[in-house]
Amino acid sequence: MVPLKQIQARAKQLGLISFENLSRDNLIRAIQIKEGHDPCFDAPWCNLCEREGCFWREECQSVGISF
């Protein structure tokens, strides 16, 4: 699991502001949007993800719902 401080540092690098009140998952989704991706982190279908290059893929699939 990526530590929250590392996620917050990534958000700052991307120029996101006022994210301190976001939940961890919503912050990750905001980063996904800023990077031009769908905000799909921890979505019910994430275990079916085919995005091999996604930074969040491994963690997302470990917390996603299994079908």
PDB file of N, CA and C in Angstrom:
ATOM      1  N   MET A   1       0.847  -1.168   0.000  1.00  0.00           N
ATOM      2  CA  MET A   1       0.000   0.000   0.000  1.00  0.00           C
ATOM      3  C   MET A   1       0.901   1.242   0.000  1.00  0.00           C
ATOM      4  N   VAL A   2       0.590   2.149  -0.889  1.00  0.00           N
ATOM      5  CA  VAL A   2       1.348   3.395  -0.987  1.00  0.00           C
ATOM      6  C   VAL A   2       0.983   4.277   0.217  1.00  0.00           C
ATOM      7  N   PRO A   3       1.994   4.755   0.951  1.00  0.00           N
ATOM      8  CA  PRO A   3       1.711   5.603   2.116  1.00  0.00           C
ATOM      9  C   PRO A   3       1.032   6.919   1.712  1.00  0.00           C
ATOM     10  N   LEU A   4       0.167   7.414   2.581  1.00  0.00           N
ATOM     11  CA  LEU A   4      -0.582   8.641   2.307  1.00  0.00           C
ATOM     12  C   LEU A   4       0.355   9.819   2.028  1.00  0.00           C
ATOM     13  N   LYS A   5       1.443   9.933   2.758  1.00  0.00           N
ATOM     14  CA  LYS A   5       2.383  11.039   2.534  1.00  0.00           C
ATOM     15  C   LYS A   5       2.945  10.999   1.118  1.00  0.00           C
ATOM     16  N   GLN A   6       3.195   9.818   0.589  1.00  0.00           N
ATOM     17  CA  GLN A   6       3.700   9.678  -0.781  1.00  0.00           C
ATOM     18  C   GLN A   6       2.612  10.075  -1.789  1.00  0.00           C
ATOM     19  N   ILE A   7       1.380   9.718  -1.504  1.00  0.00           N
ATOM     20  CA  ILE A   7       0.261  10.087  -2.382  1.00  0.00           C
ATOM     21  C   ILE A   7       0.085  11.602  -2.371  1.00  0.00           C
ATOM     22  N   GLN A   8       0.168  12.208  -1.192  1.00  0.00           N
ATOM     23  CA  GLN A   8       0.042  13.658  -1.082  1.00  0.00           C
ATOM     24  C   GLN A   8       1.182  14.365  -1.811  1.00  0.00           C
ATOM     25  N   ALA A   9       2.396  13.829  -1.727  1.00  0.00           N
ATOM     26  CA  ALA A   9       3.534  14.422  -2.437  1.00  0.00           C
ATOM     27  C   ALA A   9       3.313  14.355  -3.944  1.00  0.00           C
ATOM     28  N   ARG A  10       2.778  13.255  -4.420  1.00  0.00           N
ATOM     29  CA  ARG A  10       2.479  13.111  -5.852  1.00  0.00           C
ATOM     30  C   ARG A  10       1.420  14.128  -6.269  1.00  0.00           C
ATOM     31  N   ALA A  11       0.414  14.313  -5.429  1.00  0.00           N
ATOM     32  CA  ALA A  11      -0.644  15.283  -5.719  1.00  0.00           C
ATOM     33  C   ALA A  11      -0.059  16.690  -5.831  1.00  0.00           C
ATOM     34  N   LYS A  12       0.845  17.049  -4.921  1.00  0.00           N
ATOM     35  CA  LYS A  12       1.483  18.367  -4.957  1.00  0.00           C
ATOM     36  C   LYS A  12       2.295  18.535  -6.230  1.00  0.00           C
ATOM     37  N   GLN A  13       3.022  17.487  -6.622  1.00  0.00           N
ATOM     38  CA  GLN A  13       3.821  17.542  -7.850  1.00  0.00           C
ATOM     39  C   GLN A  13       2.946  17.802  -9.072  1.00  0.00           C
ATOM     40  N   LEU A  14       1.738  17.282  -9.032  1.00  0.00           N
ATOM     41  CA  LEU A  14       0.815  17.454 -10.157  1.00  0.00           C
ATOM     42  C   LEU A  14       0.063  18.779 -10.098  1.00  0.00           C
ATOM     43  N   GLY A  15       0.272  19.529  -9.024  1.00  0.00           N
ATOM     44  CA  GLY A  15      -0.372  20.829  -8.902  1.00  0.00           C
ATOM     45  C   GLY A  15      -1.764  20.788  -8.315  1.00  0.00           C
ATOM     46  N   LEU A  16      -2.142  19.677  -7.709  1.00  0.00           N
ATOM     47  CA  LEU A  16      -3.443  19.612  -7.043  1.00  0.00           C
ATOM     48  C   LEU A  16      -3.401  20.447  -5.766  1.00  0.00           C
ATOM     49  N   ILE A  17      -4.474  21.162  -5.521  1.00  0.00           N
ATOM     50  CA  ILE A  17      -4.546  21.991  -4.321  1.00  0.00           C
ATOM     51  C   ILE A  17      -5.810  21.639  -3.545  1.00  0.00           C
ATOM     52  N   SER A  18      -5.815  21.979  -2.285  1.00  0.00           N
ATOM     53  CA  SER A  18      -6.972  21.754  -1.407  1.00  0.00           C
ATOM     54  C   SER A  18      -7.420  20.298  -1.386  1.00  0.00           C
ATOM     55  N   PHE A  19      -6.480  19.393  -1.243  1.00  0.00           N
ATOM     56  CA  PHE A  19      -6.815  17.970  -1.221  1.00  0.00           C
ATOM     57  C   PHE A  19      -6.722  17.373   0.178  1.00  0.00           C
ATOM     58  N   GLU A  20      -6.385  18.178   1.165  1.00  0.00           N
ATOM     59  CA  GLU A  20      -6.175  17.668   2.522  1.00  0.00           C
ATOM     60  C   GLU A  20      -7.415  16.996   3.108  1.00  0.00           C
ATOM     61  N   ASN A  21      -8.603  17.420   2.702  1.00  0.00           N
ATOM     62  CA  ASN A  21      -9.834  16.853   3.257  1.00  0.00           C
ATOM     63  C   ASN A  21     -10.367  15.667   2.455  1.00  0.00           C
ATOM     64  N   LEU A  22      -9.675  15.291   1.393  1.00  0.00           N
ATOM     65  CA  LEU A  22     -10.121  14.151   0.595  1.00  0.00           C
ATOM     66  C   LEU A  22      -9.723  12.844   1.279  1.00  0.00           C
ATOM     67  N   SER A  23     -10.541  11.839   1.111  1.00  0.00           N
ATOM     68  CA  SER A  23     -10.151  10.514   1.591  1.00  0.00           C
ATOM     69  C   SER A  23      -8.991  10.025   0.730  1.00  0.00           C
ATOM     70  N   ARG A  24      -8.291   9.033   1.211  1.00  0.00           N
ATOM     71  CA  ARG A  24      -7.162   8.461   0.469  1.00  0.00           C
ATOM     72  C   ARG A  24      -7.597   8.021  -0.926  1.00  0.00           C
ATOM     73  N   ASP A  25      -8.703   7.280  -1.021  1.00  0.00           N
ATOM     74  CA  ASP A  25      -9.183   6.776  -2.311  1.00  0.00           C
ATOM     75  C   ASP A  25      -9.569   7.915  -3.249  1.00  0.00           C
ATOM     76  N   ASN A  26     -10.243   8.941  -2.712  1.00  0.00           N
ATOM     77  CA  ASN A  26     -10.632  10.069  -3.560  1.00  0.00           C
ATOM     78  C   ASN A  26      -9.423  10.882  -4.014  1.00  0.00           C
ATOM     79  N   LEU A  27      -8.394  10.949  -3.195  1.00  0.00           N
ATOM     80  CA  LEU A  27      -7.172  11.625  -3.602  1.00  0.00           C
ATOM     81  C   LEU A  27      -6.507  10.870  -4.750  1.00  0.00           C
ATOM     82  N   ILE A  28      -6.476   9.564  -4.650  1.00  0.00           N
ATOM     83  CA  ILE A  28      -5.918   8.750  -5.735  1.00  0.00           C
ATOM     84  C   ILE A  28      -6.727   8.969  -7.013  1.00  0.00           C
ATOM     85  N   ARG A  29      -8.040   9.013  -6.904  1.00  0.00           N
ATOM     86  CA  ARG A  29      -8.879   9.250  -8.088  1.00  0.00           C
ATOM     87  C   ARG A  29      -8.619  10.638  -8.683  1.00  0.00           C
ATOM     88  N   ALA A  30      -8.407  11.643  -7.825  1.00  0.00           N
ATOM     89  CA  ALA A  30      -8.093  12.987  -8.312  1.00  0.00           C
ATOM     90  C   ALA A  30      -6.765  12.980  -9.068  1.00  0.00           C
ATOM     91  N   ILE A  31      -5.801  12.217  -8.573  1.00  0.00           N
ATOM     92  CA  ILE A  31      -4.519  12.086  -9.262  1.00  0.00           C
ATOM     93  C   ILE A  31      -4.723  11.399 -10.609  1.00  0.00           C
ATOM     94  N   GLN A  32      -5.532  10.344 -10.629  1.00  0.00           N
ATOM     95  CA  GLN A  32      -5.807   9.656 -11.894  1.00  0.00           C
ATOM     96  C   GLN A  32      -6.386  10.624 -12.928  1.00  0.00           C
ATOM     97  N   ILE A  33      -7.316  11.451 -12.521  1.00  0.00           N
ATOM     98  CA  ILE A  33      -7.926  12.426 -13.431  1.00  0.00           C
ATOM     99  C   ILE A  33      -6.866  13.404 -13.926  1.00  0.00           C
ATOM    100  N   LYS A  34      -6.056  13.920 -13.008  1.00  0.00           N
ATOM    101  CA  LYS A  34      -5.021  14.895 -13.364  1.00  0.00           C
ATOM    102  C   LYS A  34      -4.022  14.292 -14.361  1.00  0.00           C
ATOM    103  N   GLU A  35      -3.782  12.993 -14.247  1.00  0.00           N
ATOM    104  CA  GLU A  35      -2.858  12.306 -15.152  1.00  0.00           C
ATOM    105  C   GLU A  35      -3.524  11.876 -16.456  1.00  0.00           C
ATOM    106  N   GLY A  36      -4.822  12.198 -16.600  1.00  0.00           N
ATOM    107  CA  GLY A  36      -5.527  11.887 -17.836  1.00  0.00           C
ATOM    108  C   GLY A  36      -6.125  10.494 -17.913  1.00  0.00           C
ATOM    109  N   HIS A  37      -6.329   9.880 -16.758  1.00  0.00           N
ATOM    110  CA  HIS A  37      -6.902   8.529 -16.703  1.00  0.00           C
ATOM    111  C   HIS A  37      -8.317   8.574 -16.123  1.00  0.00           C
ATOM    112  N   ASP A  38      -9.033   7.497 -16.288  1.00  0.00           N
ATOM    113  CA  ASP A  38     -10.337   7.370 -15.643  1.00  0.00           C
ATOM    114  C   ASP A  38     -10.127   7.262 -14.134  1.00  0.00           C
ATOM    115  N   PRO A  39     -11.006   7.840 -13.343  1.00  0.00           N
ATOM    116  CA  PRO A  39     -10.891   7.753 -11.880  1.00  0.00           C
ATOM    117  C   PRO A  39     -11.473   6.433 -11.387  1.00  0.00           C
ATOM    118  N   CYS A  40     -10.775   5.353 -11.658  1.00  0.00           N
ATOM    119  CA  CYS A  40     -11.341   4.024 -11.424  1.00  0.00           C
ATOM    120  C   CYS A  40     -10.771   3.311 -10.209  1.00  0.00           C
ATOM    121  N   PHE A  41      -9.916   3.962  -9.427  1.00  0.00           N
ATOM    122  CA  PHE A  41      -9.303   3.282  -8.285  1.00  0.00           C
ATOM    123  C   PHE A  41     -10.357   2.692  -7.364  1.00  0.00           C
ATOM    124  N   ASP A  42     -10.204   1.432  -7.048  1.00  0.00           N
ATOM    125  CA  ASP A  42     -11.074   0.693  -6.128  1.00  0.00           C
ATOM    126  C   ASP A  42     -12.528   0.619  -6.595  1.00  0.00           C
ATOM    127  N   ALA A  43     -12.721   0.694  -7.907  1.00  0.00           N
ATOM    128  CA  ALA A  43     -14.067   0.508  -8.464  1.00  0.00           C
ATOM    129  C   ALA A  43     -14.416  -0.985  -8.412  1.00  0.00           C
ATOM    130  N   PRO A  44     -15.693  -1.318  -8.408  1.00  0.00           N
ATOM    131  CA  PRO A  44     -16.080  -2.732  -8.318  1.00  0.00           C
ATOM    132  C   PRO A  44     -15.514  -3.612  -9.428  1.00  0.00           C
ATOM    133  N   TRP A  45     -15.200  -3.022 -10.548  1.00  0.00           N
ATOM    134  CA  TRP A  45     -14.689  -3.791 -11.686  1.00  0.00           C
ATOM    135  C   TRP A  45     -13.168  -3.754 -11.788  1.00  0.00           C
ATOM    136  N   CYS A  46     -12.457  -3.185 -10.812  1.00  0.00           N
ATOM    137  CA  CYS A  46     -11.019  -2.981 -10.951  1.00  0.00           C
ATOM    138  C   CYS A  46     -10.232  -4.288 -11.038  1.00  0.00           C
ATOM    139  N   ASN A  47     -10.770  -5.387 -10.566  1.00  0.00           N
ATOM    140  CA  ASN A  47     -10.038  -6.642 -10.696  1.00  0.00           C
ATOM    141  C   ASN A  47     -10.024  -7.127 -12.147  1.00  0.00           C
ATOM    142  N   LEU A  48     -10.793  -6.484 -13.013  1.00  0.00           N
ATOM    143  CA  LEU A  48     -10.806  -6.810 -14.441  1.00  0.00           C
ATOM    144  C   LEU A  48      -9.935  -5.839 -15.239  1.00  0.00           C
ATOM    145  N   CYS A  49      -9.214  -4.975 -14.567  1.00  0.00           N
ATOM    146  CA  CYS A  49      -8.427  -3.925 -15.198  1.00  0.00           C
ATOM    147  C   CYS A  49      -7.356  -4.507 -16.119  1.00  0.00           C
ATOM    148  N   GLU A  50      -7.227  -3.894 -17.268  1.00  0.00           N
ATOM    149  CA  GLU A  50      -6.213  -4.299 -18.227  1.00  0.00           C
ATOM    150  C   GLU A  50      -5.147  -3.225 -18.402  1.00  0.00           C
ATOM    151  N   ARG A  51      -5.131  -2.224 -17.553  1.00  0.00           N
ATOM    152  CA  ARG A  51      -4.162  -1.124 -17.648  1.00  0.00           C
ATOM    153  C   ARG A  51      -2.854  -1.535 -16.983  1.00  0.00           C
ATOM    154  N   GLU A  52      -2.006  -2.191 -17.745  1.00  0.00           N
ATOM    155  CA  GLU A  52      -0.750  -2.716 -17.219  1.00  0.00           C
ATOM    156  C   GLU A  52       0.163  -1.617 -16.672  1.00  0.00           C
ATOM    157  N   GLY A  53       0.146  -0.411 -17.237  1.00  0.00           N
ATOM    158  CA  GLY A  53       1.058   0.630 -16.820  1.00  0.00           C
ATOM    159  C   GLY A  53       0.548   1.529 -15.717  1.00  0.00           C
ATOM    160  N   CYS A  54      -0.609   1.246 -15.176  1.00  0.00           N
ATOM    161  CA  CYS A  54      -1.183   2.103 -14.145  1.00  0.00           C
ATOM    162  C   CYS A  54      -0.395   1.955 -12.840  1.00  0.00           C
ATOM    163  N   PHE A  55      -0.014   3.091 -12.278  1.00  0.00           N
ATOM    164  CA  PHE A  55       0.735   3.101 -11.027  1.00  0.00           C
ATOM    165  C   PHE A  55      -0.041   2.436  -9.896  1.00  0.00           C
ATOM    166  N   TRP A  56      -1.351   2.551  -9.920  1.00  0.00           N
ATOM    167  CA  TRP A  56      -2.202   2.097  -8.814  1.00  0.00           C
ATOM    168  C   TRP A  56      -2.730   0.678  -9.010  1.00  0.00           C
ATOM    169  N   ARG A  57      -2.448   0.054 -10.141  1.00  0.00           N
ATOM    170  CA  ARG A  57      -3.085  -1.219 -10.523  1.00  0.00           C
ATOM    171  C   ARG A  57      -2.946  -2.325  -9.470  1.00  0.00           C
ATOM    172  N   GLU A  58      -1.739  -2.570  -9.011  1.00  0.00           N
ATOM    173  CA  GLU A  58      -1.523  -3.664  -8.065  1.00  0.00           C
ATOM    174  C   GLU A  58      -2.312  -3.459  -6.773  1.00  0.00           C
ATOM    175  N   GLU A  59      -2.235  -2.254  -6.233  1.00  0.00           N
ATOM    176  CA  GLU A  59      -2.972  -1.968  -5.004  1.00  0.00           C
ATOM    177  C   GLU A  59      -4.475  -2.025  -5.235  1.00  0.00           C
ATOM    178  N   CYS A  60      -4.913  -1.462  -6.342  1.00  0.00           N
ATOM    179  CA  CYS A  60      -6.331  -1.424  -6.659  1.00  0.00           C
ATOM    180  C   CYS A  60      -6.895  -2.845  -6.756  1.00  0.00           C
ATOM    181  N   GLN A  61      -6.193  -3.707  -7.440  1.00  0.00           N
ATOM    182  CA  GLN A  61      -6.681  -5.071  -7.598  1.00  0.00           C
ATOM    183  C   GLN A  61      -6.664  -5.844  -6.283  1.00  0.00           C
ATOM    184  N   SER A  62      -5.792  -5.461  -5.372  1.00  0.00           N
ATOM    185  CA  SER A  62      -5.741  -6.169  -4.093  1.00  0.00           C
ATOM    186  C   SER A  62      -6.896  -5.790  -3.181  1.00  0.00           C
ATOM    187  N   VAL A  63      -7.525  -4.605  -3.431  1.00  0.00           N
ATOM    188  CA  VAL A  63      -8.647  -4.186  -2.588  1.00  0.00           C
ATOM    189  C   VAL A  63      -9.990  -4.291  -3.303  1.00  0.00           C
ATOM    190  N   GLY A  64      -9.965  -4.573  -4.585  1.00  0.00           N
ATOM    191  CA  GLY A  64     -11.193  -4.611  -5.373  1.00  0.00           C
ATOM    192  C   GLY A  64     -12.073  -5.806  -5.045  1.00  0.00           C
ATOM    193  N   ILE A  65     -13.282  -5.738  -5.484  1.00  0.00           N
ATOM    194  CA  ILE A  65     -14.273  -6.794  -5.266  1.00  0.00           C
ATOM    195  C   ILE A  65     -14.035  -7.909  -6.270  1.00  0.00           C
ATOM    196  N   SER A  66     -14.007  -9.122  -5.827  1.00  0.00           N
ATOM    197  CA  SER A  66     -13.834 -10.250  -6.738  1.00  0.00           C
ATOM    198  C   SER A  66     -15.175 -10.741  -7.220  1.00  0.00           C
ATOM    199  N   PHE A  67     -15.211 -11.116  -8.485  1.00  0.00           N
ATOM    200  CA  PHE A  67     -16.447 -11.656  -9.075  1.00  0.00           C
ATOM    201  C   PHE A  67     -16.371 -13.145  -9.144  1.00  0.00           C
TER     202      PHE A  67
END
